[in-house]
PDB file of N, CA and C in Angstrom:
ATOM      1  N   UNK A   1       0.836  -1.184   0.000  1.00  0.00           N
ATOM      2  CA  UNK A   1       0.000   0.000   0.000  1.00  0.00           C
ATOM      3  C   UNK A   1       0.879   1.244   0.000  1.00  0.00           C
ATOM      4  N   UNK A   2       0.403   2.246  -0.693  1.00  0.00           N
ATOM      5  CA  UNK A   2       1.114   3.520  -0.698  1.00  0.00           C
ATOM      6  C   UNK A   2       0.749   4.312   0.561  1.00  0.00           C
ATOM      7  N   UNK A   3       1.499   5.372   0.782  1.00  0.00           N
ATOM      8  CA  UNK A   3       1.255   6.226   1.953  1.00  0.00           C
ATOM      9  C   UNK A   3      -0.163   6.788   1.930  1.00  0.00           C
ATOM     10  N   UNK A   4      -0.593   7.289   0.790  1.00  0.00           N
ATOM     11  CA  UNK A   4      -1.936   7.877   0.702  1.00  0.00           C
ATOM     12  C   UNK A   4      -3.014   6.800   0.858  1.00  0.00           C
ATOM     13  N   UNK A   5      -2.767   5.600   0.371  1.00  0.00           N
ATOM     14  CA  UNK A   5      -3.731   4.507   0.549  1.00  0.00           C
ATOM     15  C   UNK A   5      -3.877   4.145   2.023  1.00  0.00           C
ATOM     16  N   UNK A   6      -2.771   4.147   2.757  1.00  0.00           N
ATOM     17  CA  UNK A   6      -2.838   3.871   4.195  1.00  0.00           C
ATOM     18  C   UNK A   6      -3.609   4.963   4.930  1.00  0.00           C
ATOM     19  N   UNK A   7      -3.343   6.205   4.571  1.00  0.00           N
ATOM     20  CA  UNK A   7      -4.070   7.321   5.194  1.00  0.00           C
ATOM     21  C   UNK A   7      -5.565   7.186   4.931  1.00  0.00           C
ATOM     22  N   UNK A   8      -5.939   6.920   3.686  1.00  0.00           N
ATOM     23  CA  UNK A   8      -7.359   6.790   3.341  1.00  0.00           C
ATOM     24  C   UNK A   8      -7.995   5.574   4.005  1.00  0.00           C
ATOM     25  N   UNK A   9      -7.249   4.500   4.191  1.00  0.00           N
ATOM     26  CA  UNK A   9      -7.787   3.324   4.883  1.00  0.00           C
ATOM     27  C   UNK A   9      -8.144   3.680   6.325  1.00  0.00           C
ATOM     28  N   UNK A  10      -7.296   4.456   6.974  1.00  0.00           N
ATOM     29  CA  UNK A  10      -7.586   4.887   8.344  1.00  0.00           C
ATOM     30  C   UNK A  10      -8.769   5.855   8.346  1.00  0.00           C
ATOM     31  N   UNK A  11      -8.777   6.801   7.414  1.00  0.00           N
ATOM     32  CA  UNK A  11      -9.891   7.759   7.352  1.00  0.00           C
ATOM     33  C   UNK A  11     -11.228   7.052   7.133  1.00  0.00           C
ATOM     34  N   UNK A  12     -11.255   6.040   6.276  1.00  0.00           N
ATOM     35  CA  UNK A  12     -12.504   5.294   6.048  1.00  0.00           C
ATOM     36  C   UNK A  12     -12.977   4.624   7.333  1.00  0.00           C
ATOM     37  N   UNK A  13     -12.046   4.042   8.077  1.00  0.00           N
ATOM     38  CA  UNK A  13     -12.418   3.384   9.329  1.00  0.00           C
ATOM     39  C   UNK A  13     -12.965   4.385  10.356  1.00  0.00           C
ATOM     40  N   UNK A  14     -12.511   5.621  10.249  1.00  0.00           N
ATOM     41  CA  UNK A  14     -13.003   6.673  11.136  1.00  0.00           C
ATOM     42  C   UNK A  14     -14.229   7.378  10.567  1.00  0.00           C
ATOM     43  N   UNK A  15     -14.733   6.862   9.440  1.00  0.00           N
ATOM     44  CA  UNK A  15     -15.893   7.420   8.754  1.00  0.00           C
ATOM     45  C   UNK A  15     -15.666   8.876   8.331  1.00  0.00           C
ATOM     46  N   UNK A  16     -14.453   9.147   7.868  1.00  0.00           N
ATOM     47  CA  UNK A  16     -14.087  10.470   7.365  1.00  0.00           C
ATOM     48  C   UNK A  16     -13.938  10.405   5.857  1.00  0.00           C
ATOM     49  N   UNK A  17     -13.982  11.535   5.211  1.00  0.00           N
ATOM     50  CA  UNK A  17     -13.809  11.600   3.760  1.00  0.00           C
ATOM     51  C   UNK A  17     -12.362  11.299   3.393  1.00  0.00           C
ATOM     52  N   UNK A  18     -12.192  10.595   2.269  1.00  0.00           N
ATOM     53  CA  UNK A  18     -10.853  10.304   1.778  1.00  0.00           C
ATOM     54  C   UNK A  18     -10.232  11.577   1.202  1.00  0.00           C
ATOM     55  N   UNK A  19      -8.905  11.558   1.080  1.00  0.00           N
ATOM     56  CA  UNK A  19      -8.172  12.709   0.567  1.00  0.00           C
ATOM     57  C   UNK A  19      -7.355  12.297  -0.650  1.00  0.00           C
ATOM     58  N   UNK A  20      -6.945  13.288  -1.427  1.00  0.00           N
ATOM     59  CA  UNK A  20      -6.135  13.047  -2.615  1.00  0.00           C
ATOM     60  C   UNK A  20      -4.643  13.165  -2.281  1.00  0.00           C
ATOM     61  N   UNK A  21      -4.319  14.084  -1.373  1.00  0.00           N
ATOM     62  CA  UNK A  21      -2.927  14.274  -0.956  1.00  0.00           C
ATOM     63  C   UNK A  21      -2.850  14.176   0.567  1.00  0.00           C
ATOM     64  N   UNK A  22      -1.708  13.758   1.103  1.00  0.00           N
ATOM     65  CA  UNK A  22      -1.562  13.651   2.559  1.00  0.00           C
ATOM     66  C   UNK A  22      -1.680  14.989   3.283  1.00  0.00           C
ATOM     67  N   UNK A  23      -1.456  16.091   2.577  1.00  0.00           N
ATOM     68  CA  UNK A  23      -1.512  17.396   3.226  1.00  0.00           C
ATOM     69  C   UNK A  23      -2.794  18.160   2.899  1.00  0.00           C
ATOM     70  N   UNK A  24      -3.811  17.429   2.470  1.00  0.00           N
ATOM     71  CA  UNK A  24      -5.055  18.084   2.053  1.00  0.00           C
ATOM     72  C   UNK A  24      -5.747  18.814   3.201  1.00  0.00           C
ATOM     73  N   UNK A  25      -5.684  18.262   4.389  1.00  0.00           N
ATOM     74  CA  UNK A  25      -6.248  18.932   5.561  1.00  0.00           C
ATOM     75  C   UNK A  25      -5.469  18.503   6.803  1.00  0.00           C
ATOM     76  N   UNK A  26      -5.730  19.173   7.899  1.00  0.00           N
ATOM     77  CA  UNK A  26      -4.948  18.908   9.112  1.00  0.00           C
ATOM     78  C   UNK A  26      -5.188  17.501   9.657  1.00  0.00           C
ATOM     79  N   UNK A  27      -6.398  16.973   9.460  1.00  0.00           N
ATOM     80  CA  UNK A  27      -6.698  15.623   9.955  1.00  0.00           C
ATOM     81  C   UNK A  27      -5.914  14.579   9.153  1.00  0.00           C
ATOM     82  N   UNK A  28      -5.838  14.755   7.843  1.00  0.00           N
ATOM     83  CA  UNK A  28      -5.059  13.833   7.010  1.00  0.00           C
ATOM     84  C   UNK A  28      -3.583  13.914   7.371  1.00  0.00           C
ATOM     85  N   UNK A  29      -3.089  15.113   7.674  1.00  0.00           N
ATOM     86  CA  UNK A  29      -1.695  15.270   8.099  1.00  0.00           C
ATOM     87  C   UNK A  29      -1.442  14.513   9.397  1.00  0.00           C
ATOM     88  N   UNK A  30      -2.378  14.607  10.329  1.00  0.00           N
ATOM     89  CA  UNK A  30      -2.258  13.896  11.604  1.00  0.00           C
ATOM     90  C   UNK A  30      -2.220  12.388  11.383  1.00  0.00           C
ATOM     91  N   UNK A  31      -3.127  11.878  10.552  1.00  0.00           N
ATOM     92  CA  UNK A  31      -3.158  10.447  10.247  1.00  0.00           C
ATOM     93  C   UNK A  31      -1.851  10.045   9.560  1.00  0.00           C
ATOM     94  N   UNK A  32      -1.352  10.873   8.652  1.00  0.00           N
ATOM     95  CA  UNK A  32      -0.077  10.599   7.988  1.00  0.00           C
ATOM     96  C   UNK A  32       1.067  10.524   8.974  1.00  0.00           C
ATOM     97  N   UNK A  33       1.072  11.399   9.977  1.00  0.00           N
ATOM     98  CA  UNK A  33       2.101  11.339  11.021  1.00  0.00           C
ATOM     99  C   UNK A  33       2.013  10.030  11.800  1.00  0.00           C
ATOM    100  N   UNK A  34       0.789   9.602  12.124  1.00  0.00           N
ATOM    101  CA  UNK A  34       0.619   8.333  12.830  1.00  0.00           C
ATOM    102  C   UNK A  34       1.105   7.156  11.980  1.00  0.00           C
ATOM    103  N   UNK A  35       0.790   7.187  10.683  1.00  0.00           N
ATOM    104  CA  UNK A  35       1.225   6.127   9.770  1.00  0.00           C
ATOM    105  C   UNK A  35       2.747   6.080   9.720  1.00  0.00           C
ATOM    106  N   UNK A  36       3.391   7.247   9.584  1.00  0.00           N
ATOM    107  CA  UNK A  36       4.850   7.292   9.537  1.00  0.00           C
ATOM    108  C   UNK A  36       5.481   6.808  10.843  1.00  0.00           C
ATOM    109  N   UNK A  37       4.903   7.219  11.964  1.00  0.00           N
ATOM    110  CA  UNK A  37       5.420   6.800  13.258  1.00  0.00           C
ATOM    111  C   UNK A  37       5.313   5.291  13.439  1.00  0.00           C
ATOM    112  N   UNK A  38       4.190   4.728  13.039  1.00  0.00           N
ATOM    113  CA  UNK A  38       3.991   3.282  13.150  1.00  0.00           C
ATOM    114  C   UNK A  38       4.958   2.531  12.251  1.00  0.00           C
ATOM    115  N   UNK A  39       5.160   3.031  11.028  1.00  0.00           N
ATOM    116  CA  UNK A  39       6.109   2.411  10.100  1.00  0.00           C
ATOM    117  C   UNK A  39       7.505   2.397  10.701  1.00  0.00           C
ATOM    118  N   UNK A  40       7.909   3.512  11.281  1.00  0.00           N
ATOM    119  CA  UNK A  40       9.239   3.600  11.893  1.00  0.00           C
ATOM    120  C   UNK A  40       9.367   2.634  13.072  1.00  0.00           C
ATOM    121  N   UNK A  41       8.327   2.534  13.895  1.00  0.00           N
ATOM    122  CA  UNK A  41       8.369   1.612  15.033  1.00  0.00           C
ATOM    123  C   UNK A  41       8.512   0.164  14.570  1.00  0.00           C
ATOM    124  N   UNK A  42       7.799  -0.200  13.516  1.00  0.00           N
ATOM    125  CA  UNK A  42       7.901  -1.564  12.988  1.00  0.00           C
ATOM    126  C   UNK A  42       9.291  -1.796  12.396  1.00  0.00           C
ATOM    127  N   UNK A  43       9.803  -0.831  11.636  1.00  0.00           N
ATOM    128  CA  UNK A  43      11.138  -0.975  11.052  1.00  0.00           C
ATOM    129  C   UNK A  43      12.208  -1.115  12.130  1.00  0.00           C
ATOM    130  N   UNK A  44      12.067  -0.369  13.214  1.00  0.00           N
ATOM    131  CA  UNK A  44      13.065  -0.389  14.281  1.00  0.00           C
ATOM    132  C   UNK A  44      12.960  -1.617  15.183  1.00  0.00           C
ATOM    133  N   UNK A  45      11.875  -2.360  15.073  1.00  0.00           N
ATOM    134  CA  UNK A  45      11.676  -3.493  15.974  1.00  0.00           C
ATOM    135  C   UNK A  45      12.475  -4.731  15.591  1.00  0.00           C
ATOM    136  N   UNK A  46      13.059  -4.755  14.400  1.00  0.00           N
ATOM    137  CA  UNK A  46      13.760  -5.938  13.925  1.00  0.00           C
ATOM    138  C   UNK A  46      14.710  -5.545  12.800  1.00  0.00           C
ATOM    139  N   UNK A  47      15.737  -6.331  12.564  1.00  0.00           N
ATOM    140  CA  UNK A  47      16.633  -6.116  11.429  1.00  0.00           C
ATOM    141  C   UNK A  47      16.037  -6.805  10.203  1.00  0.00           C
ATOM    142  N   UNK A  48      15.076  -6.153   9.587  1.00  0.00           N
ATOM    143  CA  UNK A  48      14.364  -6.717   8.450  1.00  0.00           C
ATOM    144  C   UNK A  48      15.299  -6.838   7.244  1.00  0.00           C
ATOM    145  N   UNK A  49      15.282  -7.990   6.586  1.00  0.00           N
ATOM    146  CA  UNK A  49      16.138  -8.218   5.416  1.00  0.00           C
ATOM    147  C   UNK A  49      15.874  -7.213   4.301  1.00  0.00           C
ATOM    148  N   UNK A  50      14.637  -6.828   4.116  1.00  0.00           N
ATOM    149  CA  UNK A  50      14.298  -5.915   3.028  1.00  0.00           C
ATOM    150  C   UNK A  50      14.931  -4.540   3.224  1.00  0.00           C
ATOM    151  N   UNK A  51      15.252  -4.179   4.453  1.00  0.00           N
ATOM    152  CA  UNK A  51      15.855  -2.880   4.726  1.00  0.00           C
ATOM    153  C   UNK A  51      17.382  -2.909   4.693  1.00  0.00           C
ATOM    154  N   UNK A  52      17.961  -4.088   4.487  1.00  0.00           N
ATOM    155  CA  UNK A  52      19.415  -4.198   4.524  1.00  0.00           C
ATOM    156  C   UNK A  52      20.044  -3.825   3.190  1.00  0.00           C
ATOM    157  N   UNK A  53      21.186  -3.182   3.281  1.00  0.00           N
ATOM    158  CA  UNK A  53      21.936  -2.747   2.118  1.00  0.00           C
ATOM    159  C   UNK A  53      23.410  -3.043   2.353  1.00  0.00           C
ATOM    160  N   UNK A  54      24.092  -3.442   1.304  1.00  0.00           N
ATOM    161  CA  UNK A  54      25.529  -3.647   1.389  1.00  0.00           C
ATOM    162  C   UNK A  54      26.220  -2.394   0.877  1.00  0.00           C
ATOM    163  N   UNK A  55      27.127  -1.875   1.660  1.00  0.00           N
ATOM    164  CA  UNK A  55      27.903  -0.704   1.277  1.00  0.00           C
ATOM    165  C   UNK A  55      29.376  -1.104   1.300  1.00  0.00           C
ATOM    166  N   UNK A  56      30.047  -0.915   0.188  1.00  0.00           N
ATOM    167  CA  UNK A  56      31.464  -1.255   0.106  1.00  0.00           C
ATOM    168  C   UNK A  56      32.300  -0.003   0.331  1.00  0.00           C
ATOM    169  N   UNK A  57      33.333  -0.149   1.161  1.00  0.00           N
ATOM    170  CA  UNK A  57      34.255   0.949   1.396  1.00  0.00           C
ATOM    171  C   UNK A  57      35.679   0.429   1.264  1.00  0.00           C
ATOM    172  N   UNK A  58      36.572   1.295   0.859  1.00  0.00           N
ATOM    173  CA  UNK A  58      37.990   0.948   0.781  1.00  0.00           C
ATOM    174  C   UNK A  58      38.640   1.254   2.118  1.00  0.00           C
ATOM    175  N   UNK A  59      39.383   0.309   2.629  1.00  0.00           N
ATOM    176  CA  UNK A  59      40.020   0.477   3.931  1.00  0.00           C
ATOM    177  C   UNK A  59      41.515   0.696   3.775  1.00  0.00           C
ATOM    178  N   UNK A  60      42.114   1.223   4.829  1.00  0.00           N
ATOM    179  CA  UNK A  60      43.549   1.466   4.845  1.00  0.00           C
ATOM    180  C   UNK A  60      44.135   0.841   6.100  1.00  0.00           C
ATOM    181  N   UNK A  61      45.321   0.316   5.990  1.00  0.00           N
ATOM    182  CA  UNK A  61      46.009  -0.280   7.126  1.00  0.00           C
ATOM    183  C   UNK A  61      46.234   0.772   8.204  1.00  0.00           C
ATOM    184  N   UNK A  62      45.882   0.457   9.433  1.00  0.00           N
ATOM    185  CA  UNK A  62      46.092   1.363  10.547  1.00  0.00           C
ATOM    186  C   UNK A  62      44.962   2.336  10.801  1.00  0.00           C
ATOM    187  N   UNK A  63      43.948   2.358   9.961  1.00  0.00           N
ATOM    188  CA  UNK A  63      42.808   3.260  10.151  1.00  0.00           C
ATOM    189  C   UNK A  63      41.669   2.465  10.784  1.00  0.00           C
ATOM    190  N   UNK A  64      41.188   2.949  11.942  1.00  0.00           N
ATOM    191  CA  UNK A  64      40.161   2.209  12.674  1.00  0.00           C
ATOM    192  C   UNK A  64      38.756   2.776  12.498  1.00  0.00           C
ATOM    193  N   UNK A  65      38.634   4.037  12.107  1.00  0.00           N
ATOM    194  CA  UNK A  65      37.319   4.659  11.977  1.00  0.00           C
ATOM    195  C   UNK A  65      37.114   5.149  10.548  1.00  0.00           C
ATOM    196  N   UNK A  66      35.895   4.930  10.055  1.00  0.00           N
ATOM    197  CA  UNK A  66      35.558   5.341   8.693  1.00  0.00           C
ATOM    198  C   UNK A  66      34.207   6.034   8.692  1.00  0.00           C
ATOM    199  N   UNK A  67      34.054   7.011   7.819  1.00  0.00           N
ATOM    200  CA  UNK A  67      32.763   7.648   7.622  1.00  0.00           C
ATOM    201  C   UNK A  67      32.064   6.930   6.480  1.00  0.00           C
ATOM    202  N   UNK A  68      30.872   6.430   6.755  1.00  0.00           N
ATOM    203  CA  UNK A  68      30.103   5.706   5.742  1.00  0.00           C
ATOM    204  C   UNK A  68      29.142   6.694   5.102  1.00  0.00           C
ATOM    205  N   UNK A  69      29.413   7.060   3.861  1.00  0.00           N
ATOM    206  CA  UNK A  69      28.562   8.026   3.162  1.00  0.00           C
ATOM    207  C   UNK A  69      27.430   7.303   2.444  1.00  0.00           C
ATOM    208  N   UNK A  70      26.395   8.036   2.101  1.00  0.00           N
ATOM    209  CA  UNK A  70      25.220   7.496   1.392  1.00  0.00           C
ATOM    210  C   UNK A  70      24.526   6.384   2.164  1.00  0.00           C
ATOM    211  N   UNK A  71      24.581   6.439   3.483  1.00  0.00           N
ATOM    212  CA  UNK A  71      23.941   5.408   4.285  1.00  0.00           C
ATOM    213  C   UNK A  71      22.678   5.905   4.973  1.00  0.00           C
ATOM    214  N   UNK A  72      22.363   7.174   4.817  1.00  0.00           N
ATOM    215  CA  UNK A  72      21.199   7.732   5.476  1.00  0.00           C
ATOM    216  C   UNK A  72      21.544   8.165   6.885  1.00  0.00           C
ATOM    217  N   UNK A  73      20.555   8.639   7.613  1.00  0.00           N
ATOM    218  CA  UNK A  73      20.817   9.104   8.972  1.00  0.00           C
ATOM    219  C   UNK A  73      20.327   8.143  10.040  1.00  0.00           C
ATOM    220  N   UNK A  74      19.724   7.048   9.658  1.00  0.00           N
ATOM    221  CA  UNK A  74      19.225   6.066  10.621  1.00  0.00           C
ATOM    222  C   UNK A  74      19.746   4.684  10.254  1.00  0.00           C
ATOM    223  N   UNK A  75      21.029   4.477  10.288  1.00  0.00           N
ATOM    224  CA  UNK A  75      21.555   3.185   9.904  1.00  0.00           C
ATOM    225  C   UNK A  75      22.205   2.490  11.089  1.00  0.00           C
ATOM    226  N   UNK A  76      22.278   1.175  11.006  1.00  0.00           N
ATOM    227  CA  UNK A  76      22.928   0.350  12.008  1.00  0.00           C
ATOM    228  C   UNK A  76      23.866  -0.594  11.277  1.00  0.00           C
ATOM    229  N   UNK A  77      25.100  -0.670  11.737  1.00  0.00           N
ATOM    230  CA  UNK A  77      26.049  -1.608  11.150  1.00  0.00           C
ATOM    231  C   UNK A  77      25.808  -2.963  11.799  1.00  0.00           C
ATOM    232  N   UNK A  78      25.460  -3.953  10.983  1.00  0.00           N
ATOM    233  CA  UNK A  78      25.172  -5.290  11.486  1.00  0.00           C
ATOM    234  C   UNK A  78      26.353  -6.223  11.292  1.00  0.00           C
ATOM    235  N   UNK A  79      27.050  -6.035  10.191  1.00  0.00           N
ATOM    236  CA  UNK A  79      28.117  -6.963   9.857  1.00  0.00           C
ATOM    237  C   UNK A  79      29.195  -6.232   9.066  1.00  0.00           C
ATOM    238  N   UNK A  80      30.451  -6.561   9.351  1.00  0.00           N
ATOM    239  CA  UNK A  80      31.572  -6.037   8.573  1.00  0.00           C
ATOM    240  C   UNK A  80      32.406  -7.220   8.107  1.00  0.00           C
ATOM    241  N   UNK A  81      32.696  -7.243   6.817  1.00  0.00           N
ATOM    242  CA  UNK A  81      33.475  -8.325   6.242  1.00  0.00           C
ATOM    243  C   UNK A  81      34.679  -7.761   5.522  1.00  0.00           C
ATOM    244  N   UNK A  82      35.839  -8.377   5.753  1.00  0.00           N
ATOM    245  CA  UNK A  82      37.042  -8.026   5.006  1.00  0.00           C
ATOM    246  C   UNK A  82      37.174  -9.065   3.910  1.00  0.00           C
ATOM    247  N   UNK A  83      36.873  -8.684   2.682  1.00  0.00           N
ATOM    248  CA  UNK A  83      36.878  -9.626   1.569  1.00  0.00           C
ATOM    249  C   UNK A  83      38.219  -9.737   0.882  1.00  0.00           C
ATOM    250  N   UNK A  84      39.231  -8.977   1.366  1.00  0.00           N
ATOM    251  CA  UNK A  84      40.537  -9.033   0.715  1.00  0.00           C
ATOM    252  C   UNK A  84      41.499  -9.984   1.428  1.00  0.00           C
ATOM    253  N   UNK A  85      41.232 -10.332   2.662  1.00  0.00           N
ATOM    254  CA  UNK A  85      42.110 -11.236   3.421  1.00  0.00           C
ATOM    255  C   UNK A  85      41.370 -12.484   3.841  1.00  0.00           C
TER     256      UNK A  85
END
């Protein structure tokens, strides 16, 4: 389901009119915030395979800390593999 479909599903259950955009009115915005919050809680509850990404970085001898770019602001390192040794 898309974000707007989820918002409209909640609005229908509350016997409210459906919307075309998530920001159409303040009530739809509130429902959208609840949908986003719930999605984040579910994502954070487990290391879901669908959310995992492999990022390759070049390492240097003697360097212990690296900045991982393009990883977003909510990432967790689960596994590190040295594929050269």
